[in-house]
Amino acid sequence: MKKISLLIGLFVGATGVFAQFNLQSGDLLFQVGKSTTLTDAIAQVTSGADSVNYTHVGIVSIENDKVFVIEATSPKVRKVIIDTFLNDARKINGKPIVAVGRLQSKYFDIIPQAIKNAETYLGKPYDYVYSPDNDEYYCSELVYLTFKNKKGKPVFKAKKMTFCDDKGNMSASWIRHFAKYKAPIPEGRKGTNPGEMSKSKEITILYRYFD
């Protein structure tokens, strides 16, 4: 009985994944979030690596051998332990739909500053209207703003945002969402999303927790 209890404890305490992959500071965790009106709407208009519709992304920060994730999520930018981030993901056979993206080696030297940059946003409100002109931030916007090359330019590229599906239709859920916040739909404005970011040539997807 003691042996069985110990094994269960190890599985739960480590979320069953640490022995499988060694995360590094600066790794990006691409997540399919649990089903909500907002995450489902995001999934409808994004396409990520390996055709997975990632709805969220966070930044790994290793501190004193503990793994944290810095993320812009509702209601604010926060830093959480890795277990919290993985438990917030949608599951396949009990495994979180989360993939690990690692920057190309030429960017490794900018990671310490990127982590410091990300921490300056802690406590800032989540940006529900995906605007670059306010002091609020959505998940991939946080990554975009914090990872900069030696010339101070963003590593990741901003592209025209779309809130339409692959048939060019805007869902009623997006229309209701922006009406709720009395904000214009930023269709065609420059921005980022976790799906597109997961396909960036600046990173390599090294591991998927749900395989």
N, C-alpha and C. Protein backbone atom coordinates (compact mmCIF):
# COMPACT_ATOMS: atom_id res chain seq x y z
N MET A 1 0.83 -1.20 0.00
CA MET A 1 0.00 0.00 0.00
C MET A 1 0.87 1.26 0.00
N LYS A 2 1.95 1.28 0.79
CA LYS A 2 2.82 2.44 0.83
C LYS A 2 3.44 2.71 -0.54
N LYS A 3 3.82 1.66 -1.24
CA LYS A 3 4.44 1.81 -2.55
C LYS A 3 3.46 2.42 -3.54
N ILE A 4 2.22 1.94 -3.53
CA ILE A 4 1.20 2.46 -4.44
C ILE A 4 0.94 3.93 -4.14
N SER A 5 0.83 4.29 -2.85
CA SER A 5 0.57 5.66 -2.47
C SER A 5 1.70 6.58 -2.93
N LEU A 6 2.93 6.11 -2.82
CA LEU A 6 4.07 6.91 -3.23
C LEU A 6 4.03 7.18 -4.72
N LEU A 7 3.71 6.16 -5.51
CA LEU A 7 3.64 6.33 -6.95
C LEU A 7 2.56 7.32 -7.34
N ILE A 8 1.41 7.25 -6.69
CA ILE A 8 0.34 8.19 -6.97
C ILE A 8 0.78 9.60 -6.62
N GLY A 9 1.45 9.75 -5.49
CA GLY A 9 1.92 11.05 -5.06
C GLY A 9 2.91 11.66 -6.04
N LEU A 10 3.81 10.85 -6.57
CA LEU A 10 4.77 11.34 -7.54
C LEU A 10 4.09 11.79 -8.80
N PHE A 11 3.09 11.06 -9.23
CA PHE A 11 2.37 11.41 -10.46
C PHE A 11 1.63 12.72 -10.32
N VAL A 12 0.91 12.87 -9.21
CA VAL A 12 0.12 14.07 -9.00
C VAL A 12 1.02 15.27 -8.76
N GLY A 13 2.03 15.09 -7.91
CA GLY A 13 2.88 16.21 -7.55
C GLY A 13 3.66 16.77 -8.71
N ALA A 14 4.04 15.94 -9.65
CA ALA A 14 4.83 16.41 -10.79
C ALA A 14 3.98 16.56 -12.03
N THR A 15 2.68 16.42 -11.90
CA THR A 15 1.75 16.49 -13.01
C THR A 15 2.04 15.43 -14.05
N GLY A 16 2.85 14.45 -13.71
CA GLY A 16 3.10 13.34 -14.61
C GLY A 16 3.92 13.68 -15.82
N VAL A 17 4.63 14.85 -15.82
CA VAL A 17 5.29 15.26 -17.06
C VAL A 17 6.75 15.63 -16.88
N PHE A 18 7.19 16.01 -15.69
CA PHE A 18 8.54 16.54 -15.55
C PHE A 18 9.61 15.53 -15.93
N ALA A 19 9.37 14.27 -15.69
CA ALA A 19 10.36 13.25 -16.03
C ALA A 19 10.44 13.05 -17.54
N GLN A 20 9.47 13.58 -18.28
CA GLN A 20 9.41 13.35 -19.71
C GLN A 20 10.10 14.45 -20.53
N PHE A 21 10.13 15.69 -20.00
CA PHE A 21 10.75 16.76 -20.78
C PHE A 21 11.35 17.81 -19.86
N ASN A 22 12.53 18.27 -20.19
CA ASN A 22 13.26 19.24 -19.38
C ASN A 22 13.04 20.64 -19.94
N LEU A 23 12.16 21.40 -19.29
CA LEU A 23 11.86 22.76 -19.73
C LEU A 23 13.02 23.69 -19.41
N GLN A 24 13.12 24.77 -20.21
CA GLN A 24 14.13 25.80 -19.98
C GLN A 24 13.45 27.16 -19.91
N SER A 25 14.05 28.09 -19.19
CA SER A 25 13.53 29.46 -19.18
C SER A 25 13.47 29.98 -20.61
N GLY A 26 12.38 30.66 -20.92
CA GLY A 26 12.19 31.19 -22.26
C GLY A 26 11.41 30.28 -23.18
N ASP A 27 11.20 29.02 -22.78
CA ASP A 27 10.34 28.14 -23.58
C ASP A 27 8.93 28.72 -23.61
N LEU A 28 8.25 28.52 -24.72
CA LEU A 28 6.87 28.97 -24.86
C LEU A 28 5.95 27.76 -24.78
N LEU A 29 4.93 27.85 -23.97
CA LEU A 29 3.96 26.77 -23.82
C LEU A 29 2.68 27.16 -24.54
N PHE A 30 2.38 26.42 -25.61
CA PHE A 30 1.17 26.67 -26.38
C PHE A 30 0.07 25.74 -25.88
N GLN A 31 -1.06 26.33 -25.54
CA GLN A 31 -2.12 25.60 -24.86
C GLN A 31 -3.44 25.71 -25.60
N VAL A 32 -4.20 24.61 -25.58
CA VAL A 32 -5.62 24.67 -25.95
C VAL A 32 -6.37 24.76 -24.63
N GLY A 33 -6.97 25.92 -24.37
CA GLY A 33 -7.63 26.14 -23.09
C GLY A 33 -8.94 25.37 -22.98
N LYS A 34 -9.39 25.22 -21.76
CA LYS A 34 -10.68 24.57 -21.52
C LYS A 34 -11.78 25.33 -22.26
N SER A 35 -12.80 24.61 -22.64
CA SER A 35 -13.85 25.18 -23.47
C SER A 35 -14.62 26.29 -22.75
N THR A 36 -14.54 27.49 -23.30
CA THR A 36 -15.35 28.63 -22.87
C THR A 36 -15.81 29.33 -24.15
N THR A 37 -16.71 30.27 -24.01
CA THR A 37 -17.16 31.01 -25.20
C THR A 37 -15.98 31.68 -25.89
N LEU A 38 -15.07 32.26 -25.09
CA LEU A 38 -13.94 32.98 -25.67
C LEU A 38 -12.92 32.03 -26.30
N THR A 39 -12.52 30.97 -25.59
CA THR A 39 -11.51 30.07 -26.15
C THR A 39 -12.05 29.36 -27.39
N ASP A 40 -13.33 29.02 -27.39
CA ASP A 40 -13.91 28.37 -28.57
C ASP A 40 -13.91 29.33 -29.76
N ALA A 41 -14.18 30.61 -29.50
CA ALA A 41 -14.16 31.60 -30.57
C ALA A 41 -12.76 31.78 -31.13
N ILE A 42 -11.75 31.79 -30.24
CA ILE A 42 -10.36 31.91 -30.68
C ILE A 42 -9.97 30.71 -31.53
N ALA A 43 -10.36 29.51 -31.10
CA ALA A 43 -10.01 28.29 -31.83
C ALA A 43 -10.58 28.29 -33.24
N GLN A 44 -11.72 28.93 -33.42
CA GLN A 44 -12.37 28.95 -34.73
C GLN A 44 -11.61 29.79 -35.75
N VAL A 45 -10.77 30.71 -35.28
CA VAL A 45 -10.12 31.63 -36.22
C VAL A 45 -8.60 31.53 -36.18
N THR A 46 -8.07 30.49 -35.53
CA THR A 46 -6.62 30.30 -35.49
C THR A 46 -6.27 28.89 -35.93
N SER A 47 -5.07 28.76 -36.45
CA SER A 47 -4.56 27.45 -36.83
C SER A 47 -3.10 27.38 -36.43
N GLY A 48 -2.75 26.39 -35.60
CA GLY A 48 -1.39 26.33 -35.08
C GLY A 48 -0.56 25.21 -35.67
N ALA A 49 0.61 24.99 -35.08
CA ALA A 49 1.51 23.94 -35.52
C ALA A 49 0.82 22.58 -35.47
N ASP A 50 1.08 21.77 -36.47
CA ASP A 50 0.51 20.42 -36.56
C ASP A 50 -1.02 20.45 -36.56
N SER A 51 -1.59 21.57 -37.07
CA SER A 51 -3.04 21.74 -37.21
C SER A 51 -3.78 21.72 -35.88
N VAL A 52 -3.09 22.06 -34.79
CA VAL A 52 -3.74 22.19 -33.48
C VAL A 52 -4.12 23.66 -33.28
N ASN A 53 -5.37 23.91 -32.95
CA ASN A 53 -5.84 25.28 -32.79
C ASN A 53 -5.54 25.80 -31.37
N TYR A 54 -4.29 26.19 -31.15
CA TYR A 54 -3.89 26.68 -29.84
C TYR A 54 -4.60 28.01 -29.54
N THR A 55 -5.05 28.15 -28.30
CA THR A 55 -5.79 29.35 -27.92
C THR A 55 -5.04 30.21 -26.91
N HIS A 56 -3.88 29.76 -26.46
CA HIS A 56 -3.19 30.49 -25.39
C HIS A 56 -1.69 30.16 -25.44
N VAL A 57 -0.88 31.07 -24.91
CA VAL A 57 0.56 30.84 -24.84
C VAL A 57 1.10 31.49 -23.58
N GLY A 58 2.08 30.83 -22.94
CA GLY A 58 2.73 31.36 -21.75
C GLY A 58 4.23 31.20 -21.87
N ILE A 59 4.96 31.89 -21.00
CA ILE A 59 6.42 31.92 -21.02
C ILE A 59 6.97 31.20 -19.80
N VAL A 60 7.85 30.24 -20.01
CA VAL A 60 8.45 29.49 -18.90
C VAL A 60 9.54 30.32 -18.24
N SER A 61 9.52 30.31 -16.90
CA SER A 61 10.58 30.95 -16.11
C SER A 61 11.00 29.99 -15.01
N ILE A 62 12.27 29.57 -15.04
CA ILE A 62 12.79 28.65 -14.02
C ILE A 62 13.47 29.46 -12.92
N GLU A 63 13.00 29.29 -11.70
CA GLU A 63 13.54 30.06 -10.58
C GLU A 63 13.81 29.12 -9.42
N ASN A 64 15.08 29.02 -9.03
CA ASN A 64 15.47 28.13 -7.92
C ASN A 64 14.94 26.71 -8.13
N ASP A 65 15.11 26.22 -9.34
CA ASP A 65 14.71 24.86 -9.72
C ASP A 65 13.20 24.65 -9.73
N LYS A 66 12.43 25.72 -9.61
CA LYS A 66 10.97 25.63 -9.72
C LYS A 66 10.53 26.20 -11.07
N VAL A 67 9.53 25.57 -11.67
CA VAL A 67 9.07 25.97 -12.99
C VAL A 67 7.81 26.82 -12.87
N PHE A 68 7.90 28.05 -13.38
CA PHE A 68 6.76 28.97 -13.39
C PHE A 68 6.39 29.30 -14.84
N VAL A 69 5.18 29.80 -15.01
CA VAL A 69 4.74 30.27 -16.32
C VAL A 69 4.19 31.68 -16.15
N ILE A 70 4.71 32.61 -16.95
CA ILE A 70 4.17 33.97 -16.99
C ILE A 70 3.19 34.03 -18.14
N GLU A 71 1.97 34.46 -17.86
CA GLU A 71 0.93 34.44 -18.88
C GLU A 71 -0.01 35.63 -18.74
N ALA A 72 -0.48 36.11 -19.87
CA ALA A 72 -1.53 37.13 -19.89
C ALA A 72 -2.84 36.39 -20.09
N THR A 73 -3.62 36.34 -19.03
CA THR A 73 -4.89 35.62 -19.06
C THR A 73 -5.90 36.41 -18.25
N SER A 74 -7.15 36.08 -18.37
CA SER A 74 -8.19 36.78 -17.61
C SER A 74 -8.04 36.46 -16.12
N PRO A 75 -8.05 37.45 -15.24
CA PRO A 75 -8.28 38.88 -15.51
C PRO A 75 -7.02 39.72 -15.66
N LYS A 76 -5.81 39.11 -15.47
CA LYS A 76 -4.59 39.92 -15.51
C LYS A 76 -3.37 39.06 -15.80
N VAL A 77 -2.28 39.72 -16.12
CA VAL A 77 -1.00 39.03 -16.32
C VAL A 77 -0.53 38.49 -14.97
N ARG A 78 -0.13 37.21 -14.97
CA ARG A 78 0.23 36.58 -13.70
C ARG A 78 1.38 35.60 -13.91
N LYS A 79 1.95 35.16 -12.79
CA LYS A 79 2.98 34.10 -12.80
C LYS A 79 2.47 32.96 -11.94
N VAL A 80 2.41 31.75 -12.53
CA VAL A 80 1.85 30.60 -11.83
C VAL A 80 2.82 29.43 -11.92
N ILE A 81 2.67 28.46 -11.05
CA ILE A 81 3.47 27.26 -11.15
C ILE A 81 3.01 26.46 -12.37
N ILE A 82 3.90 25.66 -12.92
CA ILE A 82 3.62 24.91 -14.14
C ILE A 82 2.36 24.05 -14.02
N ASP A 83 2.14 23.45 -12.83
CA ASP A 83 0.97 22.59 -12.65
C ASP A 83 -0.32 23.34 -12.92
N THR A 84 -0.39 24.59 -12.47
CA THR A 84 -1.60 25.40 -12.68
C THR A 84 -1.85 25.60 -14.16
N PHE A 85 -0.79 25.92 -14.90
CA PHE A 85 -0.93 26.15 -16.34
C PHE A 85 -1.40 24.87 -17.05
N LEU A 86 -0.80 23.75 -16.72
CA LEU A 86 -1.16 22.50 -17.36
C LEU A 86 -2.58 22.07 -16.99
N ASN A 87 -2.97 22.31 -15.76
CA ASN A 87 -4.31 21.93 -15.33
C ASN A 87 -5.39 22.80 -15.96
N ASP A 88 -5.02 24.00 -16.42
CA ASP A 88 -5.97 24.90 -17.08
C ASP A 88 -6.22 24.50 -18.53
N ALA A 89 -5.45 23.56 -19.05
CA ALA A 89 -5.57 23.15 -20.45
C ALA A 89 -6.69 22.14 -20.64
N ARG A 90 -7.20 22.11 -21.84
CA ARG A 90 -8.10 21.02 -22.22
C ARG A 90 -7.31 19.72 -22.25
N LYS A 91 -7.94 18.61 -22.05
CA LYS A 91 -7.24 17.32 -21.92
C LYS A 91 -7.63 16.35 -23.03
N ILE A 92 -6.68 15.50 -23.39
CA ILE A 92 -6.92 14.33 -24.24
C ILE A 92 -6.44 13.12 -23.46
N ASN A 93 -7.35 12.23 -23.15
CA ASN A 93 -7.01 11.05 -22.34
C ASN A 93 -6.28 11.44 -21.06
N GLY A 94 -6.74 12.53 -20.46
CA GLY A 94 -6.15 12.99 -19.21
C GLY A 94 -4.88 13.79 -19.36
N LYS A 95 -4.38 13.97 -20.58
CA LYS A 95 -3.14 14.70 -20.81
C LYS A 95 -3.44 16.11 -21.32
N PRO A 96 -2.74 17.13 -20.79
CA PRO A 96 -3.01 18.51 -21.21
C PRO A 96 -2.58 18.77 -22.65
N ILE A 97 -3.44 19.48 -23.38
CA ILE A 97 -3.09 19.82 -24.77
C ILE A 97 -2.20 21.06 -24.72
N VAL A 98 -0.92 20.79 -24.51
CA VAL A 98 0.10 21.83 -24.40
C VAL A 98 1.33 21.36 -25.16
N ALA A 99 1.91 22.27 -25.94
CA ALA A 99 3.14 21.97 -26.68
C ALA A 99 4.23 22.95 -26.26
N VAL A 100 5.48 22.48 -26.31
CA VAL A 100 6.63 23.29 -25.92
C VAL A 100 7.33 23.80 -27.17
N GLY A 101 7.44 25.12 -27.27
CA GLY A 101 8.19 25.73 -28.35
C GLY A 101 9.46 26.36 -27.80
N ARG A 102 10.59 26.10 -28.43
CA ARG A 102 11.86 26.67 -27.96
C ARG A 102 12.46 27.58 -29.02
N LEU A 103 12.93 28.74 -28.60
CA LEU A 103 13.56 29.67 -29.52
C LEU A 103 14.78 29.05 -30.19
N GLN A 104 15.04 29.47 -31.41
CA GLN A 104 16.26 29.06 -32.08
C GLN A 104 17.47 29.51 -31.25
N SER A 105 18.54 28.75 -31.30
CA SER A 105 19.70 28.99 -30.43
C SER A 105 20.28 30.39 -30.56
N LYS A 106 20.13 31.03 -31.71
CA LYS A 106 20.69 32.37 -31.88
C LYS A 106 20.00 33.40 -30.99
N TYR A 107 18.86 33.02 -30.41
CA TYR A 107 18.14 33.93 -29.53
C TYR A 107 18.33 33.61 -28.04
N PHE A 108 19.09 32.60 -27.73
CA PHE A 108 19.21 32.19 -26.32
C PHE A 108 19.71 33.32 -25.42
N ASP A 109 20.60 34.16 -25.96
CA ASP A 109 21.19 35.19 -25.10
C ASP A 109 20.21 36.31 -24.76
N ILE A 110 19.09 36.40 -25.44
CA ILE A 110 18.11 37.46 -25.12
C ILE A 110 17.08 36.99 -24.11
N ILE A 111 17.08 35.70 -23.78
CA ILE A 111 16.04 35.15 -22.91
C ILE A 111 16.03 35.77 -21.51
N PRO A 112 17.19 35.91 -20.83
CA PRO A 112 17.14 36.51 -19.48
C PRO A 112 16.46 37.89 -19.47
N GLN A 113 16.75 38.72 -20.46
CA GLN A 113 16.12 40.04 -20.52
C GLN A 113 14.64 39.91 -20.85
N ALA A 114 14.29 38.94 -21.69
CA ALA A 114 12.88 38.74 -22.04
C ALA A 114 12.07 38.38 -20.80
N ILE A 115 12.63 37.54 -19.93
CA ILE A 115 11.93 37.18 -18.69
C ILE A 115 11.74 38.42 -17.83
N LYS A 116 12.78 39.25 -17.73
CA LYS A 116 12.67 40.49 -16.95
C LYS A 116 11.61 41.41 -17.56
N ASN A 117 11.59 41.48 -18.89
CA ASN A 117 10.58 42.29 -19.56
C ASN A 117 9.17 41.80 -19.22
N ALA A 118 8.99 40.49 -19.29
CA ALA A 118 7.67 39.90 -19.03
C ALA A 118 7.19 40.21 -17.62
N GLU A 119 8.11 40.19 -16.67
CA GLU A 119 7.73 40.43 -15.28
C GLU A 119 7.28 41.86 -15.03
N THR A 120 7.68 42.79 -15.89
CA THR A 120 7.23 44.17 -15.71
C THR A 120 5.74 44.31 -16.01
N TYR A 121 5.16 43.32 -16.69
CA TYR A 121 3.74 43.37 -17.03
C TYR A 121 2.85 42.68 -15.99
N LEU A 122 3.46 42.04 -15.00
CA LEU A 122 2.66 41.32 -14.00
C LEU A 122 1.66 42.26 -13.35
N GLY A 123 0.41 41.80 -13.27
CA GLY A 123 -0.65 42.61 -12.67
C GLY A 123 -1.39 43.49 -13.66
N LYS A 124 -0.86 43.63 -14.88
CA LYS A 124 -1.57 44.42 -15.89
C LYS A 124 -2.83 43.68 -16.32
N PRO A 125 -3.90 44.42 -16.65
CA PRO A 125 -5.16 43.75 -17.01
C PRO A 125 -5.09 43.05 -18.36
N TYR A 126 -5.91 42.02 -18.48
CA TYR A 126 -6.02 41.28 -19.74
C TYR A 126 -6.74 42.15 -20.77
N ASP A 127 -6.31 42.05 -22.01
CA ASP A 127 -6.88 42.85 -23.09
C ASP A 127 -7.96 42.05 -23.81
N TYR A 128 -9.21 42.33 -23.45
CA TYR A 128 -10.33 41.59 -24.04
C TYR A 128 -10.68 42.08 -25.44
N VAL A 129 -10.14 43.23 -25.85
CA VAL A 129 -10.50 43.78 -27.15
C VAL A 129 -9.32 43.77 -28.13
N TYR A 130 -8.19 43.17 -27.73
CA TYR A 130 -7.06 42.93 -28.62
C TYR A 130 -6.57 44.19 -29.32
N SER A 131 -6.43 45.24 -28.51
CA SER A 131 -5.99 46.53 -29.04
C SER A 131 -4.53 46.78 -28.68
N PRO A 132 -3.72 47.29 -29.62
CA PRO A 132 -2.32 47.61 -29.31
C PRO A 132 -2.19 48.98 -28.65
N ASP A 133 -3.29 49.68 -28.49
CA ASP A 133 -3.24 51.08 -28.06
C ASP A 133 -3.62 51.29 -26.61
N ASN A 134 -3.78 50.21 -25.85
CA ASN A 134 -4.14 50.38 -24.44
C ASN A 134 -3.09 49.72 -23.55
N ASP A 135 -3.23 49.92 -22.27
CA ASP A 135 -2.27 49.32 -21.33
C ASP A 135 -2.83 48.01 -20.79
N GLU A 136 -3.35 47.21 -21.70
CA GLU A 136 -3.89 45.89 -21.40
C GLU A 136 -3.28 44.91 -22.39
N TYR A 137 -3.20 43.62 -22.02
CA TYR A 137 -2.39 42.70 -22.80
C TYR A 137 -3.04 41.32 -22.93
N TYR A 138 -3.00 40.78 -24.14
CA TYR A 138 -3.45 39.40 -24.36
C TYR A 138 -2.22 38.51 -24.49
N CYS A 139 -2.44 37.20 -24.49
CA CYS A 139 -1.33 36.26 -24.28
C CYS A 139 -0.18 36.39 -25.27
N SER A 140 -0.47 36.33 -26.56
CA SER A 140 0.62 36.38 -27.53
C SER A 140 1.18 37.79 -27.67
N GLU A 141 0.39 38.79 -27.31
CA GLU A 141 0.90 40.17 -27.29
C GLU A 141 2.00 40.30 -26.24
N LEU A 142 1.80 39.67 -25.08
CA LEU A 142 2.83 39.68 -24.04
C LEU A 142 4.13 39.08 -24.56
N VAL A 143 4.04 37.95 -25.25
CA VAL A 143 5.23 37.31 -25.82
C VAL A 143 5.88 38.23 -26.86
N TYR A 144 5.07 38.80 -27.72
CA TYR A 144 5.55 39.68 -28.78
C TYR A 144 6.33 40.86 -28.20
N LEU A 145 5.82 41.44 -27.12
CA LEU A 145 6.43 42.63 -26.54
C LEU A 145 7.68 42.33 -25.70
N THR A 146 7.79 41.12 -25.20
CA THR A 146 8.90 40.83 -24.28
C THR A 146 10.12 40.21 -24.95
N PHE A 147 9.92 39.51 -26.07
CA PHE A 147 11.05 38.90 -26.76
C PHE A 147 11.54 39.83 -27.86
N LYS A 148 12.67 40.50 -27.59
CA LYS A 148 13.22 41.44 -28.56
C LYS A 148 14.68 41.09 -28.85
N ASN A 149 15.09 41.31 -30.09
CA ASN A 149 16.47 40.99 -30.46
C ASN A 149 17.42 42.07 -29.95
N LYS A 150 18.68 41.94 -30.29
CA LYS A 150 19.69 42.86 -29.76
C LYS A 150 19.49 44.29 -30.26
N LYS A 151 18.72 44.44 -31.33
CA LYS A 151 18.44 45.78 -31.84
C LYS A 151 17.15 46.35 -31.26
N GLY A 152 16.53 45.58 -30.36
CA GLY A 152 15.32 46.06 -29.71
C GLY A 152 14.05 45.83 -30.50
N LYS A 153 14.15 45.02 -31.56
CA LYS A 153 12.98 44.75 -32.38
C LYS A 153 12.36 43.40 -31.99
N PRO A 154 11.03 43.29 -32.07
CA PRO A 154 10.38 42.03 -31.69
C PRO A 154 10.89 40.85 -32.52
N VAL A 155 11.10 39.74 -31.84
CA VAL A 155 11.53 38.51 -32.52
C VAL A 155 10.41 37.96 -33.39
N PHE A 156 9.19 38.05 -32.89
CA PHE A 156 8.04 37.51 -33.62
C PHE A 156 7.38 38.61 -34.45
N LYS A 157 6.78 38.22 -35.55
CA LYS A 157 6.17 39.17 -36.47
C LYS A 157 4.67 39.34 -36.17
N ALA A 158 4.24 40.58 -36.22
CA ALA A 158 2.82 40.86 -36.11
C ALA A 158 2.21 40.75 -37.52
N LYS A 159 1.00 40.24 -37.56
CA LYS A 159 0.30 40.07 -38.84
C LYS A 159 -1.11 40.64 -38.71
N LYS A 160 -1.77 40.76 -39.83
CA LYS A 160 -3.14 41.25 -39.80
C LYS A 160 -4.03 40.25 -39.06
N MET A 161 -4.76 40.73 -38.08
CA MET A 161 -5.64 39.86 -37.32
C MET A 161 -6.95 39.64 -38.08
N THR A 162 -7.51 38.47 -37.87
CA THR A 162 -8.84 38.20 -38.41
C THR A 162 -9.68 37.50 -37.36
N PHE A 163 -10.93 37.85 -37.35
CA PHE A 163 -11.88 37.23 -36.43
C PHE A 163 -12.95 36.47 -37.23
N CYS A 164 -12.56 36.11 -38.46
CA CYS A 164 -13.45 35.35 -39.35
C CYS A 164 -12.93 33.92 -39.46
N ASP A 165 -13.83 33.00 -39.74
CA ASP A 165 -13.41 31.61 -39.93
C ASP A 165 -12.82 31.43 -41.32
N ASP A 166 -12.46 30.20 -41.67
CA ASP A 166 -11.79 29.96 -42.95
C ASP A 166 -12.71 30.20 -44.16
N LYS A 167 -13.99 30.41 -43.89
CA LYS A 167 -14.94 30.73 -44.96
C LYS A 167 -15.21 32.23 -45.05
N GLY A 168 -14.53 32.99 -44.19
CA GLY A 168 -14.70 34.43 -44.21
C GLY A 168 -15.87 34.94 -43.41
N ASN A 169 -16.44 34.08 -42.59
CA ASN A 169 -17.61 34.47 -41.79
C ASN A 169 -17.20 34.81 -40.36
N MET A 170 -17.75 35.90 -39.85
CA MET A 170 -17.50 36.26 -38.46
C MET A 170 -18.62 35.69 -37.61
N SER A 171 -18.23 34.96 -36.58
CA SER A 171 -19.22 34.28 -35.76
C SER A 171 -19.98 35.26 -34.88
N ALA A 172 -21.19 34.86 -34.52
CA ALA A 172 -22.02 35.69 -33.65
C ALA A 172 -21.35 35.89 -32.29
N SER A 173 -20.55 34.90 -31.87
CA SER A 173 -19.91 35.02 -30.57
C SER A 173 -18.90 36.16 -30.54
N TRP A 174 -18.16 36.38 -31.64
CA TRP A 174 -17.24 37.51 -31.70
C TRP A 174 -17.99 38.83 -31.75
N ILE A 175 -19.08 38.87 -32.49
CA ILE A 175 -19.87 40.10 -32.57
C ILE A 175 -20.40 40.46 -31.19
N ARG A 176 -20.91 39.47 -30.46
CA ARG A 176 -21.42 39.72 -29.11
C ARG A 176 -20.28 40.12 -28.17
N HIS A 177 -19.11 39.48 -28.35
CA HIS A 177 -17.97 39.76 -27.47
C HIS A 177 -17.57 41.23 -27.55
N PHE A 178 -17.37 41.75 -28.75
CA PHE A 178 -16.93 43.14 -28.88
C PHE A 178 -18.05 44.12 -28.54
N ALA A 179 -19.28 43.72 -28.77
CA ALA A 179 -20.41 44.57 -28.37
C ALA A 179 -20.46 44.71 -26.86
N LYS A 180 -20.14 43.62 -26.16
CA LYS A 180 -20.12 43.64 -24.69
C LYS A 180 -19.15 44.69 -24.17
N TYR A 181 -18.01 44.84 -24.84
CA TYR A 181 -17.00 45.79 -24.39
C TYR A 181 -17.09 47.13 -25.13
N LYS A 182 -18.12 47.26 -25.95
CA LYS A 182 -18.37 48.50 -26.69
C LYS A 182 -17.12 48.94 -27.46
N ALA A 183 -16.52 47.96 -28.11
CA ALA A 183 -15.28 48.20 -28.84
C ALA A 183 -15.43 47.75 -30.29
N PRO A 184 -14.75 48.43 -31.21
CA PRO A 184 -14.78 47.98 -32.60
C PRO A 184 -14.02 46.67 -32.77
N ILE A 185 -14.43 45.86 -33.71
CA ILE A 185 -13.72 44.62 -34.00
C ILE A 185 -12.46 44.98 -34.80
N PRO A 186 -11.27 44.63 -34.27
CA PRO A 186 -10.02 45.06 -34.94
C PRO A 186 -9.63 44.18 -36.13
N GLU A 187 -10.59 43.86 -36.95
CA GLU A 187 -10.34 43.04 -38.14
C GLU A 187 -9.33 43.74 -39.05
N GLY A 188 -8.25 43.04 -39.38
CA GLY A 188 -7.25 43.58 -40.28
C GLY A 188 -6.15 44.39 -39.62
N ARG A 189 -6.29 44.67 -38.32
CA ARG A 189 -5.23 45.40 -37.62
C ARG A 189 -4.06 44.45 -37.32
N LYS A 190 -2.87 45.01 -37.17
CA LYS A 190 -1.69 44.19 -36.87
C LYS A 190 -1.78 43.66 -35.43
N GLY A 191 -1.46 42.39 -35.28
CA GLY A 191 -1.47 41.77 -33.96
C GLY A 191 -0.90 40.36 -34.05
N THR A 192 -1.13 39.57 -33.04
CA THR A 192 -0.58 38.21 -32.98
C THR A 192 -1.64 37.28 -32.43
N ASN A 193 -1.40 35.98 -32.61
CA ASN A 193 -2.23 34.99 -31.95
C ASN A 193 -1.38 33.75 -31.68
N PRO A 194 -1.74 32.95 -30.68
CA PRO A 194 -0.88 31.82 -30.30
C PRO A 194 -0.73 30.78 -31.39
N GLY A 195 -1.76 30.60 -32.21
CA GLY A 195 -1.66 29.62 -33.29
C GLY A 195 -0.57 29.98 -34.28
N GLU A 196 -0.63 31.22 -34.79
CA GLU A 196 0.38 31.67 -35.74
C GLU A 196 1.77 31.67 -35.12
N MET A 197 1.85 32.06 -33.85
CA MET A 197 3.15 32.10 -33.18
C MET A 197 3.75 30.71 -33.05
N SER A 198 2.91 29.69 -32.87
CA SER A 198 3.41 28.32 -32.74
C SER A 198 4.03 27.82 -34.04
N LYS A 199 3.69 28.47 -35.15
CA LYS A 199 4.23 28.08 -36.46
C LYS A 199 5.42 28.93 -36.88
N SER A 200 5.83 29.85 -36.02
CA SER A 200 6.91 30.77 -36.37
C SER A 200 8.22 30.01 -36.61
N LYS A 201 8.98 30.47 -37.58
CA LYS A 201 10.28 29.87 -37.87
C LYS A 201 11.30 30.20 -36.78
N GLU A 202 10.94 31.10 -35.86
CA GLU A 202 11.86 31.48 -34.80
C GLU A 202 11.87 30.48 -33.65
N ILE A 203 10.95 29.52 -33.68
CA ILE A 203 10.91 28.49 -32.64
C ILE A 203 10.81 27.10 -33.28
N THR A 204 11.07 26.11 -32.45
CA THR A 204 10.85 24.71 -32.84
C THR A 204 9.97 24.06 -31.78
N ILE A 205 8.93 23.38 -32.21
CA ILE A 205 8.10 22.63 -31.27
C ILE A 205 8.86 21.35 -30.93
N LEU A 206 9.24 21.23 -29.66
CA LEU A 206 10.08 20.12 -29.23
C LEU A 206 9.32 19.01 -28.53
N TYR A 207 8.18 19.35 -27.97
CA TYR A 207 7.48 18.33 -27.15
C TYR A 207 6.00 18.66 -27.07
N ARG A 208 5.18 17.61 -27.04
CA ARG A 208 3.74 17.77 -26.85
C ARG A 208 3.32 16.89 -25.68
N TYR A 209 2.77 17.50 -24.67
CA TYR A 209 2.36 16.75 -23.47
C TYR A 209 1.24 15.76 -23.73
N PHE A 210 0.52 15.93 -24.83
CA PHE A 210 -0.66 15.12 -25.08
C PHE A 210 -0.40 13.95 -26.04
N ASP A 211 0.84 13.78 -26.46
CA ASP A 211 1.17 12.62 -27.32
C ASP A 211 1.35 11.36 -26.48
